[in-house]
Protein backbone atom coordinates (compact mmCIF):
# COMPACT_ATOMS: atom_id res chain seq x y z
CA UNK A 1 5.93 23.93 -84.80
CA UNK A 2 3.13 21.25 -86.22
CA UNK A 3 -0.76 22.07 -85.81
CA UNK A 4 -1.08 19.71 -82.53
CA UNK A 5 0.94 22.19 -80.26
CA UNK A 6 -2.16 24.69 -79.54
CA UNK A 7 -3.71 21.69 -78.49
CA UNK A 8 -1.20 20.88 -76.39
CA UNK A 9 -0.30 24.40 -74.69
CA UNK A 10 -4.15 24.23 -73.78
CA UNK A 11 -4.20 20.96 -72.01
CA UNK A 12 -3.44 20.34 -68.26
CA UNK A 13 -1.03 17.65 -67.37
CA UNK A 14 -2.96 14.84 -66.86
CA UNK A 15 -4.52 15.12 -70.36
CA UNK A 16 -1.42 15.06 -71.85
CA UNK A 17 -0.85 11.30 -70.92
CA UNK A 18 -3.42 10.48 -73.17
CA UNK A 19 -1.45 12.34 -75.85
CA UNK A 20 1.51 10.36 -74.71
CA UNK A 21 -0.45 7.13 -75.69
CA UNK A 22 -0.21 6.97 -79.41
CA UNK A 23 3.83 7.93 -79.13
CA UNK A 24 4.79 5.77 -76.09
CA UNK A 25 5.37 2.25 -77.26
CA UNK A 26 7.44 4.16 -79.75
CA UNK A 27 9.72 5.70 -77.25
CA UNK A 28 10.42 2.54 -76.28
CA UNK A 29 12.12 1.55 -79.43
CA UNK A 30 14.85 3.72 -78.34
CA UNK A 31 13.46 6.55 -80.98
CA UNK A 32 11.14 9.01 -80.07
CA UNK A 33 7.89 8.42 -82.64
CA UNK A 34 6.56 11.39 -82.27
CA UNK A 35 7.83 14.83 -83.21
CA UNK A 36 10.16 16.57 -81.21
CA UNK A 37 8.49 19.68 -80.87
CA UNK A 38 5.79 18.30 -79.58
CA UNK A 39 7.86 15.94 -76.96
CA UNK A 40 9.46 19.57 -76.12
CA UNK A 41 5.71 21.37 -75.90
CA UNK A 42 4.24 18.78 -73.68
CA UNK A 43 7.53 18.70 -71.47
CA UNK A 44 7.70 22.55 -71.00
CA UNK A 45 3.63 22.73 -70.13
CA UNK A 46 4.60 20.14 -66.82
CA UNK A 47 7.56 22.86 -65.97
CA UNK A 48 5.51 26.00 -66.08
CA UNK A 49 2.83 24.30 -64.74
CA UNK A 50 1.64 25.67 -61.00
CA UNK A 51 3.08 23.04 -58.16
CA UNK A 52 -0.21 22.83 -57.04
CA UNK A 53 -1.41 20.87 -60.33
CA UNK A 54 1.20 18.01 -59.17
CA UNK A 55 -1.42 16.29 -56.79
CA UNK A 56 -2.95 12.79 -56.76
CA UNK A 57 -5.48 12.50 -53.55
CA UNK A 58 -3.67 13.80 -50.76
CA UNK A 59 0.04 13.75 -51.99
CA UNK A 60 2.16 16.63 -53.34
CA UNK A 61 4.68 16.00 -56.29
CA UNK A 62 7.68 18.25 -55.94
CA UNK A 63 8.52 18.12 -60.05
CA UNK A 64 6.03 17.58 -63.28
CA UNK A 65 8.24 14.01 -63.87
CA UNK A 66 7.55 12.61 -60.12
CA UNK A 67 3.22 13.43 -60.32
CA UNK A 68 3.85 12.36 -64.03
CA UNK A 69 4.99 8.96 -62.92
CA UNK A 70 2.45 8.21 -60.20
CA UNK A 71 -0.40 9.42 -62.09
CA UNK A 72 0.29 7.61 -65.72
CA UNK A 73 -0.56 4.25 -66.82
CA UNK A 74 2.50 1.52 -66.63
CA UNK A 75 2.82 2.24 -70.59
CA UNK A 76 3.15 6.03 -69.81
CA UNK A 77 5.80 5.26 -66.98
CA UNK A 78 7.97 3.56 -69.21
CA UNK A 79 7.54 6.02 -71.94
CA UNK A 80 8.43 8.75 -69.48
CA UNK A 81 11.24 6.88 -68.11
CA UNK A 82 12.91 5.99 -71.36
CA UNK A 83 12.32 9.82 -71.59
CA UNK A 84 13.74 11.00 -68.16
CA UNK A 85 16.67 8.84 -68.66
CA UNK A 86 17.66 10.68 -71.54
CA UNK A 87 17.20 14.04 -69.50
CA UNK A 88 16.13 15.69 -66.28
CA UNK A 89 15.81 13.36 -63.17
CA UNK A 90 12.51 12.76 -61.69
CA UNK A 91 14.32 14.17 -58.26
CA UNK A 92 15.75 17.19 -59.61
CA UNK A 93 14.91 20.27 -60.88
CA UNK A 94 13.11 20.98 -63.37
CA UNK A 95 14.24 24.02 -65.06
CA UNK A 96 13.86 23.36 -68.81
CA UNK A 97 13.23 19.78 -69.30
CA UNK A 98 12.72 18.77 -72.24
CA UNK A 99 16.11 20.71 -73.97
CA UNK A 100 18.04 17.91 -72.93
CA UNK A 101 15.60 14.89 -73.63
CA UNK A 102 14.56 15.89 -76.84
CA UNK A 103 18.94 16.73 -77.72
CA UNK A 104 19.43 13.73 -76.71
CA UNK A 105 16.77 11.91 -78.42
CA UNK A 106 17.93 13.28 -82.09
CA UNK A 107 21.55 12.11 -81.37
CA UNK A 108 19.84 9.04 -80.62
CA UNK A 109 17.50 8.84 -83.56
CA UNK A 110 20.41 10.17 -86.20
CA UNK A 111 22.30 7.03 -84.90
CA UNK A 112 19.49 4.50 -85.21
CA UNK A 113 18.71 6.70 -88.76
CA UNK A 114 22.42 5.89 -89.64
CA UNK A 115 22.55 2.27 -88.61
CA UNK A 116 18.87 1.54 -91.27
CA UNK A 117 20.95 3.17 -93.95
CA UNK A 118 23.93 1.41 -93.78
CA UNK A 119 22.27 -1.43 -93.74
CA UNK A 120 20.36 -1.12 -96.23
CA UNK A 121 22.89 0.19 -98.33
CA UNK A 122 24.36 -3.63 -97.91
CA UNK A 123 21.33 -5.49 -98.26
CA UNK A 124 20.07 -3.76 -101.29
CA UNK A 125 23.85 -3.76 -102.84
CA UNK A 126 23.66 -7.39 -102.16
CA UNK A 127 20.07 -8.42 -103.23
CA UNK A 128 18.68 -5.52 -105.49
CA UNK A 129 15.77 -3.20 -104.57
CA UNK A 130 13.00 -5.84 -105.21
CA UNK A 131 14.92 -8.97 -103.74
CA UNK A 132 16.07 -7.13 -100.39
CA UNK A 133 13.33 -7.31 -97.94
CA UNK A 134 12.54 -4.51 -94.75
CA UNK A 135 12.30 -7.11 -91.66
CA UNK A 136 16.02 -8.53 -93.23
CA UNK A 137 17.32 -4.66 -93.41
CA UNK A 138 15.69 -4.15 -89.85
CA UNK A 139 17.96 -7.16 -88.55
CA UNK A 140 21.19 -6.20 -90.21
CA UNK A 141 20.48 -2.91 -88.30
CA UNK A 142 19.31 -4.16 -85.03
CA UNK A 143 16.48 -2.23 -85.20
CA UNK A 144 12.49 -3.32 -86.00
CA UNK A 145 10.54 -2.34 -88.62
CA UNK A 146 8.40 0.58 -87.26
CA UNK A 147 11.92 2.73 -87.01
CA UNK A 148 12.84 2.05 -90.58
CA UNK A 149 8.84 2.87 -91.47
CA UNK A 150 9.11 6.07 -89.15
CA UNK A 151 12.27 7.60 -90.81
CA UNK A 152 11.92 6.68 -94.43
CA UNK A 153 8.35 5.82 -94.97
CA UNK A 154 8.53 2.61 -97.33
CA UNK A 155 11.09 0.14 -98.65
CA UNK A 156 11.50 2.80 -102.35
CA UNK A 157 11.85 6.19 -99.43
CA UNK A 158 14.50 4.23 -97.99
CA UNK A 159 16.33 2.84 -101.36
CA UNK A 160 16.41 6.23 -102.35
CA UNK A 161 17.37 7.32 -99.52
CA UNK A 162 20.44 5.30 -99.80
CA UNK A 163 20.72 7.23 -103.38
CA UNK A 164 21.36 10.21 -101.77
CA UNK A 165 23.84 8.99 -98.79
CA UNK A 166 25.56 7.60 -101.49
CA UNK A 167 25.61 10.98 -103.82
CA UNK A 168 26.29 12.93 -100.15
CA UNK A 169 29.58 10.64 -99.40
CA UNK A 170 30.84 11.43 -103.27
CA UNK A 171 30.36 14.84 -103.04
CA UNK A 172 31.69 15.15 -99.37
CA UNK A 173 35.06 13.30 -100.76
CA UNK A 174 35.40 14.39 -103.67
CA UNK A 175 34.34 18.54 -102.69
CA UNK A 176 38.25 20.23 -102.61
CA UNK A 177 38.49 18.36 -106.21
CA UNK A 178 35.14 19.43 -107.31
CA UNK A 179 35.64 23.52 -105.80
CA UNK A 180 38.83 23.59 -107.52
CA UNK A 181 37.72 22.94 -110.92
CA UNK A 182 34.67 25.14 -109.96
CA UNK A 183 37.29 27.63 -109.71
CA UNK A 184 38.88 27.06 -113.03
CA UNK A 185 35.89 27.26 -114.75
CA UNK A 186 34.55 30.20 -113.55
CA UNK A 187 37.71 31.57 -113.79
CA UNK A 188 37.64 31.51 -117.29
CA UNK A 189 41.63 29.58 -116.75
CA UNK A 190 43.66 28.36 -120.02
CA UNK A 191 44.21 25.22 -121.48
CA UNK A 192 46.76 24.59 -118.91
CA UNK A 193 45.21 25.52 -115.95
CA UNK A 194 42.13 23.64 -117.08
CA UNK A 195 44.45 20.34 -117.52
CA UNK A 196 45.31 20.44 -113.94
CA UNK A 197 41.73 20.66 -112.86
CA UNK A 198 40.44 17.66 -114.69
CA UNK A 199 43.92 15.69 -113.51
CA UNK A 200 42.96 16.71 -109.76
CA UNK A 201 39.58 15.63 -110.62
CA UNK A 202 40.05 12.46 -111.76
CA UNK A 203 43.14 11.30 -108.86
CA UNK A 204 40.50 11.91 -106.63
CA UNK A 205 38.01 9.76 -108.49
CA UNK A 206 40.82 7.02 -108.51
CA UNK A 207 41.38 7.27 -104.61
CA UNK A 208 37.38 7.46 -104.09
CA UNK A 209 36.49 4.91 -106.39
CA UNK A 210 39.27 1.39 -105.92
CA UNK A 211 40.81 2.89 -103.07
CA UNK A 212 38.43 4.02 -100.49
CA UNK A 213 35.20 1.19 -99.01
CA UNK A 214 32.84 4.32 -99.47
CA UNK A 215 32.40 3.29 -102.83
CA UNK A 216 32.27 -0.44 -102.17
CA UNK A 217 29.43 -0.32 -99.87
CA UNK A 218 27.43 1.67 -102.63
CA UNK A 219 29.08 0.19 -105.35
CA UNK A 220 26.25 -2.87 -105.77
CA UNK A 221 23.24 -0.34 -105.78
CA UNK A 222 24.92 1.84 -108.89
CA UNK A 223 25.91 -0.97 -110.79
CA UNK A 224 22.03 -1.99 -110.65
CA UNK A 225 20.91 1.24 -111.25
CA UNK A 226 22.88 0.95 -114.65
CA UNK A 227 21.90 -2.39 -116.09
CA UNK A 228 18.73 -1.52 -114.79
CA UNK A 229 17.12 1.64 -113.73
CA UNK A 230 14.73 1.69 -110.86
CA UNK A 231 13.77 4.26 -108.60
CA UNK A 232 17.33 5.64 -107.08
CA UNK A 233 18.56 6.35 -110.91
CA UNK A 234 17.22 9.75 -111.49
CA UNK A 235 18.85 10.36 -108.26
CA UNK A 236 22.36 9.20 -109.18
CA UNK A 237 22.04 11.42 -113.10
CA UNK A 238 20.55 14.45 -112.14
CA UNK A 239 23.23 14.81 -109.02
CA UNK A 240 26.43 12.32 -109.10
CA UNK A 241 26.46 11.47 -113.05
CA UNK A 242 25.43 14.28 -115.85
CA UNK A 243 26.97 17.36 -113.09
CA UNK A 244 30.72 15.14 -113.35
CA UNK A 245 30.15 14.57 -117.36
CA UNK A 246 29.45 18.29 -117.75
CA UNK A 247 32.01 19.51 -115.48
CA UNK A 248 35.03 17.36 -117.23
CA UNK A 249 33.27 18.16 -120.59
CA UNK A 250 33.89 22.21 -119.83
CA UNK A 251 37.42 21.11 -119.03
CA UNK A 252 38.31 19.28 -121.87
CA UNK A 253 36.82 21.49 -124.15
CA UNK A 254 39.01 24.30 -122.59
CA UNK A 255 41.77 22.48 -122.81
CA UNK A 256 41.31 21.89 -126.29
CA UNK A 257 40.41 26.03 -126.89
CA UNK A 258 37.30 25.44 -127.87
CA UNK A 259 34.35 28.24 -128.36
CA UNK A 260 31.53 25.94 -127.32
CA UNK A 261 31.27 22.01 -125.43
CA UNK A 262 31.66 19.76 -128.82
CA UNK A 263 29.77 16.71 -129.05
CA UNK A 264 33.67 15.09 -129.12
CA UNK A 265 34.27 16.79 -125.79
CA UNK A 266 31.30 15.47 -124.40
CA UNK A 267 32.43 11.69 -125.51
CA UNK A 268 35.45 12.13 -124.07
CA UNK A 269 34.28 13.56 -121.03
CA UNK A 270 31.78 10.44 -121.01
CA UNK A 271 34.68 7.95 -120.99
CA UNK A 272 37.06 9.77 -118.57
CA UNK A 273 34.35 9.36 -116.06
CA UNK A 274 32.93 5.41 -116.72
CA UNK A 275 36.50 4.16 -116.87
CA UNK A 276 37.22 4.17 -113.16
CA UNK A 277 34.15 2.73 -112.22
CA UNK A 278 33.80 -0.41 -114.80
CA UNK A 279 37.71 -0.80 -113.60
CA UNK A 280 36.40 -0.87 -110.16
CA UNK A 281 33.96 -3.52 -111.98
CA UNK A 282 35.77 -5.93 -113.29
CA UNK A 283 38.70 -5.48 -110.67
CA UNK A 284 39.25 -9.11 -110.51
CA UNK A 285 40.04 -9.41 -113.76
CA UNK A 286 42.22 -6.17 -114.05
CA UNK A 287 43.73 -7.42 -110.54
CA UNK A 288 44.71 -11.33 -112.59
CA UNK A 289 45.69 -9.50 -116.07
CA UNK A 290 48.62 -7.44 -113.90
CA UNK A 291 49.27 -9.87 -111.70
CA UNK A 292 48.34 -7.57 -108.71
CA UNK A 293 46.86 -9.45 -105.45
CA UNK A 294 45.66 -6.48 -104.49
CA UNK A 295 45.28 -2.94 -105.82
CA UNK A 296 46.96 -0.72 -103.22
CA UNK A 297 48.75 2.76 -103.35
CA UNK A 298 51.65 1.64 -105.97
CA UNK A 299 48.65 -0.08 -108.00
CA UNK A 300 46.45 3.37 -107.13
CA UNK A 301 49.31 5.73 -108.59
CA UNK A 302 50.26 3.05 -111.73
CA UNK A 303 46.18 4.19 -111.95
CA UNK A 304 46.21 7.57 -111.87
CA UNK A 305 49.73 8.44 -113.73
CA UNK A 306 48.02 6.53 -117.03
CA UNK A 307 44.97 8.61 -116.37
CA UNK A 308 47.07 11.35 -116.30
CA UNK A 309 48.14 10.69 -119.54
CA UNK A 310 45.92 10.17 -120.97
CA UNK A 311 44.35 13.71 -120.70
CA UNK A 312 48.14 14.44 -121.65
CA UNK A 313 47.05 13.68 -125.22
CA UNK A 314 44.45 15.60 -125.61
C-alpha cells in the first residue's frame, strides 16, 4: 500500500471526499485512475465508521454510501455511483464495500488496458513508432488519452508494452515445444533426441508464424524493428531472438556431437530462425511462385516437411 494510506486511515468520511476529487473524473472513464489499494482503503473506512458519523443535519443514513451521496458534490456523486454499480448497493448492507468494487474495477481496467494494447499493435504495425499517434490509438480502442497515459505513461511506454505483449504471445504459443527442447538440452540427450526436439520447435514456429493471426498482429512492429532498430529492439532481441538462436544452436551442436557450440552451428541456427519470418514477410511472392491462393493446412505441412528435411541433413 502506498504512503497515502495512513492519511486516509486517519481521516473522517467527510474529509475523504476531498481525496476523491482528484480521482472522480478518472473513475468516470470506466477505469479508476486511483490506486486500487487507496480506493479499497477509503471504502473500508466508510464501512467501519460508527453510524452516528453518517449524519447530515437532522438526517441519519443507513450506510456510508447513502451518507456519501447525500453530502458529496455532483462530481463526487458521479464517481461514487460508478463505484457502486460495480459493488455494493446504496440500500444494501455494507459488509466489505471495497472488495467487489475493486475486483470488478480491476477486471474492467484489465480489459481497457488490453483494448489499448490491441489497438496499438495495429497502429504501430501499420504506421511505425514515429508516425503512429496516441490519439489515433485511443480512438481505435474506443477510449481517451487519460487511460492510455495512466497505463503506459507515454507513447514509448505503450510501444514497449506492445513488444512485451508480442513476446508473451510467442512464449505462450511455443511453450510446450520450448519446454521439450529445454529438457532435451538439460538431459544431455543424444543426437537423434536433439534432432527431434529441433523439428518440434520448427513445426511450432511454422504454425505460429505462418498459420496463426498472433504473429500477423505483431509482424509489422517486428519488421520495422528489424529494418530500423527502435525502442522495442532490445525487448525482442533479449527475450525472443537471442534465446531462440542459442537454443537452436545448442540442439544443432548436439546433433553434430560437438564438444561445444561452434560458430557454424550458430550460423545454421540463425538461418533456421530467420527463414520462417522471412517466408511470412514475402508470403505474397511465395504464394505466387508456388501457385497458392492461400497458405492453409496443406501448405503449412509442406513448409514444415521441407524444414525437417533440412534438419535431417545436419
